N, C-alpha and C. Protein backbone atom coordinates (compact mmCIF):
# COMPACT_ATOMS: atom_id res chain seq x y z
N MET A 1 0.82 -1.20 0.00
CA MET A 1 0.00 0.00 0.00
C MET A 1 0.86 1.26 0.00
N SER A 2 1.94 1.28 0.78
CA SER A 2 2.78 2.48 0.82
C SER A 2 3.41 2.76 -0.53
N MET A 3 3.71 1.74 -1.33
CA MET A 3 4.28 1.95 -2.65
C MET A 3 3.27 2.64 -3.56
N VAL A 4 2.01 2.30 -3.42
CA VAL A 4 0.96 2.92 -4.23
C VAL A 4 0.83 4.39 -3.83
N LEU A 5 0.75 4.68 -2.55
CA LEU A 5 0.58 6.05 -2.07
C LEU A 5 1.79 6.92 -2.39
N ARG A 6 2.97 6.33 -2.46
CA ARG A 6 4.19 7.09 -2.72
C ARG A 6 4.16 7.76 -4.09
N ASP A 7 3.51 7.17 -5.07
CA ASP A 7 3.51 7.69 -6.43
C ASP A 7 2.31 8.57 -6.76
N ILE A 8 1.45 8.83 -5.81
CA ILE A 8 0.30 9.72 -6.02
C ILE A 8 0.79 11.17 -6.00
N PRO A 9 0.37 11.99 -6.99
CA PRO A 9 0.78 13.40 -6.98
C PRO A 9 0.38 14.08 -5.68
N LYS A 10 1.22 14.98 -5.22
CA LYS A 10 0.97 15.72 -3.99
C LYS A 10 0.43 17.11 -4.32
N LEU A 11 -0.56 17.57 -3.58
CA LEU A 11 -1.12 18.90 -3.75
C LEU A 11 -0.61 19.80 -2.64
N MET A 12 0.05 20.88 -3.02
CA MET A 12 0.57 21.84 -2.05
C MET A 12 -0.12 23.17 -2.30
N ASP A 13 -0.83 23.67 -1.30
CA ASP A 13 -1.58 24.92 -1.43
C ASP A 13 -0.81 26.03 -0.70
N GLU A 14 -0.20 26.93 -1.48
CA GLU A 14 0.56 28.06 -0.96
C GLU A 14 1.59 27.61 0.10
N PRO A 15 2.47 26.66 -0.24
CA PRO A 15 3.38 26.10 0.76
C PRO A 15 4.44 27.08 1.27
N MET A 16 4.69 28.18 0.57
CA MET A 16 5.72 29.12 1.01
C MET A 16 5.18 30.23 1.91
N ASN A 17 3.86 30.31 2.05
CA ASN A 17 3.28 31.37 2.88
C ASN A 17 3.79 31.29 4.31
N GLY A 18 4.22 32.42 4.82
CA GLY A 18 4.65 32.51 6.22
C GLY A 18 6.08 32.08 6.46
N LEU A 19 6.80 31.66 5.41
CA LEU A 19 8.18 31.22 5.59
C LEU A 19 9.14 32.39 5.42
N ASP A 20 10.25 32.34 6.16
CA ASP A 20 11.29 33.34 5.94
C ASP A 20 12.07 32.97 4.68
N ASN A 21 13.02 33.80 4.29
CA ASN A 21 13.76 33.57 3.05
C ASN A 21 14.45 32.21 3.02
N GLN A 22 15.05 31.80 4.13
CA GLN A 22 15.73 30.51 4.18
C GLN A 22 14.72 29.36 4.05
N GLY A 23 13.57 29.50 4.68
CA GLY A 23 12.53 28.49 4.56
C GLY A 23 12.04 28.34 3.14
N VAL A 24 11.88 29.46 2.45
CA VAL A 24 11.45 29.42 1.04
C VAL A 24 12.51 28.71 0.21
N GLN A 25 13.78 29.05 0.43
CA GLN A 25 14.86 28.41 -0.32
C GLN A 25 14.90 26.90 -0.05
N ASP A 26 14.73 26.52 1.21
CA ASP A 26 14.72 25.09 1.57
C ASP A 26 13.58 24.36 0.87
N MET A 27 12.40 24.96 0.85
CA MET A 27 11.25 24.33 0.20
C MET A 27 11.47 24.21 -1.31
N ARG A 28 12.01 25.26 -1.91
CA ARG A 28 12.29 25.20 -3.35
C ARG A 28 13.27 24.06 -3.66
N GLU A 29 14.32 23.96 -2.86
CA GLU A 29 15.31 22.89 -3.07
C GLU A 29 14.66 21.52 -2.93
N LEU A 30 13.79 21.35 -1.95
CA LEU A 30 13.08 20.09 -1.77
C LEU A 30 12.21 19.77 -2.98
N PHE A 31 11.44 20.75 -3.44
CA PHE A 31 10.56 20.53 -4.59
C PHE A 31 11.37 20.21 -5.85
N LEU A 32 12.49 20.90 -6.04
CA LEU A 32 13.32 20.63 -7.22
C LEU A 32 13.94 19.23 -7.15
N LYS A 33 14.31 18.80 -5.95
CA LYS A 33 14.84 17.43 -5.77
C LYS A 33 13.77 16.40 -6.12
N LEU A 34 12.55 16.62 -5.62
CA LEU A 34 11.46 15.71 -5.93
C LEU A 34 11.15 15.70 -7.43
N LYS A 35 11.25 16.87 -8.05
CA LYS A 35 11.04 16.97 -9.50
C LYS A 35 12.08 16.14 -10.25
N GLU A 36 13.35 16.24 -9.83
CA GLU A 36 14.42 15.45 -10.45
C GLU A 36 14.17 13.96 -10.32
N GLU A 37 13.51 13.56 -9.23
CA GLU A 37 13.19 12.15 -8.99
C GLU A 37 11.95 11.71 -9.77
N GLY A 38 11.36 12.63 -10.53
CA GLY A 38 10.20 12.28 -11.33
C GLY A 38 8.88 12.36 -10.59
N LYS A 39 8.87 12.97 -9.42
CA LYS A 39 7.64 13.11 -8.64
C LYS A 39 6.79 14.25 -9.19
N THR A 40 5.49 14.11 -9.07
CA THR A 40 4.56 15.14 -9.50
C THR A 40 4.04 15.88 -8.28
N ILE A 41 4.14 17.20 -8.32
CA ILE A 41 3.61 18.05 -7.26
C ILE A 41 2.70 19.07 -7.92
N ILE A 42 1.49 19.18 -7.41
CA ILE A 42 0.56 20.20 -7.89
C ILE A 42 0.66 21.36 -6.90
N LEU A 43 1.13 22.49 -7.41
CA LEU A 43 1.42 23.65 -6.57
C LEU A 43 0.39 24.74 -6.83
N ALA A 44 -0.38 25.09 -5.82
CA ALA A 44 -1.31 26.21 -5.91
C ALA A 44 -0.62 27.42 -5.30
N SER A 45 -0.40 28.46 -6.11
CA SER A 45 0.34 29.60 -5.62
C SER A 45 -0.05 30.87 -6.38
N HIS A 46 0.06 31.99 -5.70
CA HIS A 46 -0.10 33.30 -6.33
C HIS A 46 1.27 33.94 -6.55
N ASN A 47 2.32 33.29 -6.08
CA ASN A 47 3.67 33.83 -6.16
C ASN A 47 4.30 33.46 -7.50
N ARG A 48 4.41 34.45 -8.38
CA ARG A 48 4.92 34.19 -9.73
C ARG A 48 6.37 33.74 -9.73
N GLU A 49 7.16 34.19 -8.78
CA GLU A 49 8.56 33.75 -8.71
C GLU A 49 8.64 32.26 -8.40
N ASP A 50 7.86 31.78 -7.43
CA ASP A 50 7.84 30.35 -7.12
C ASP A 50 7.39 29.55 -8.34
N ILE A 51 6.38 30.05 -9.02
CA ILE A 51 5.86 29.36 -10.21
C ILE A 51 6.95 29.28 -11.28
N ALA A 52 7.64 30.39 -11.53
CA ALA A 52 8.67 30.42 -12.56
C ALA A 52 9.82 29.47 -12.25
N VAL A 53 10.20 29.38 -10.99
CA VAL A 53 11.34 28.55 -10.59
C VAL A 53 10.98 27.06 -10.58
N LEU A 54 9.75 26.73 -10.20
CA LEU A 54 9.41 25.33 -9.89
C LEU A 54 8.58 24.60 -10.93
N CYS A 55 7.83 25.30 -11.75
CA CYS A 55 6.79 24.63 -12.53
C CYS A 55 7.16 24.36 -13.98
N ASP A 56 6.77 23.19 -14.46
CA ASP A 56 6.90 22.82 -15.87
C ASP A 56 5.64 23.16 -16.65
N THR A 57 4.52 23.07 -16.00
CA THR A 57 3.23 23.39 -16.60
C THR A 57 2.49 24.32 -15.65
N VAL A 58 1.95 25.41 -16.21
CA VAL A 58 1.22 26.38 -15.41
C VAL A 58 -0.20 26.46 -15.94
N VAL A 59 -1.16 26.29 -15.05
CA VAL A 59 -2.57 26.40 -15.41
C VAL A 59 -3.17 27.51 -14.55
N GLU A 60 -3.75 28.50 -15.21
CA GLU A 60 -4.41 29.58 -14.49
C GLU A 60 -5.91 29.31 -14.47
N ILE A 61 -6.48 29.37 -13.27
CA ILE A 61 -7.90 29.06 -13.09
C ILE A 61 -8.60 30.30 -12.53
N ASP A 62 -9.74 30.62 -13.09
CA ASP A 62 -10.54 31.74 -12.62
C ASP A 62 -11.99 31.28 -12.49
N HIS A 63 -12.54 31.38 -11.31
CA HIS A 63 -13.91 30.95 -11.03
C HIS A 63 -14.15 29.50 -11.47
N GLY A 64 -13.17 28.65 -11.19
CA GLY A 64 -13.31 27.23 -11.47
C GLY A 64 -13.09 26.82 -12.92
N ARG A 65 -12.70 27.75 -13.77
CA ARG A 65 -12.47 27.45 -15.19
C ARG A 65 -11.02 27.71 -15.57
N ILE A 66 -10.46 26.81 -16.36
CA ILE A 66 -9.10 27.02 -16.87
C ILE A 66 -9.16 28.12 -17.91
N ILE A 67 -8.40 29.19 -17.68
CA ILE A 67 -8.38 30.30 -18.64
C ILE A 67 -7.05 30.38 -19.38
N LYS A 68 -6.03 29.65 -18.88
CA LYS A 68 -4.73 29.68 -19.55
C LYS A 68 -3.94 28.44 -19.13
N GLU A 69 -3.26 27.83 -20.10
CA GLU A 69 -2.37 26.72 -19.81
C GLU A 69 -1.09 26.93 -20.59
N GLU A 70 0.03 26.79 -19.88
CA GLU A 70 1.34 27.07 -20.49
C GLU A 70 2.32 25.98 -20.06
N HIS A 71 3.03 25.43 -21.03
CA HIS A 71 4.07 24.44 -20.74
C HIS A 71 5.42 25.14 -20.84
N THR A 72 6.16 25.15 -19.75
CA THR A 72 7.40 25.90 -19.70
C THR A 72 8.63 25.02 -19.89
N ALA A 73 8.48 23.72 -19.81
CA ALA A 73 9.65 22.84 -19.95
C ALA A 73 9.59 22.05 -21.23
């Protein structure tokens, strides 16, 4: 069972909120490491810098509808 759960994409909602600069850097490094390992993380964020650094695909949603989808990698 743990092997099945390990490969399920993770949803992170504004994970950098409330972190100091070092905390943000640590989280970015963790997410990039997981990305290198082929893990999928769904990141909900309003921070464009975090999105630019971390995301391969960006989907903008407004009132529950996809209004823009961009593949950056």
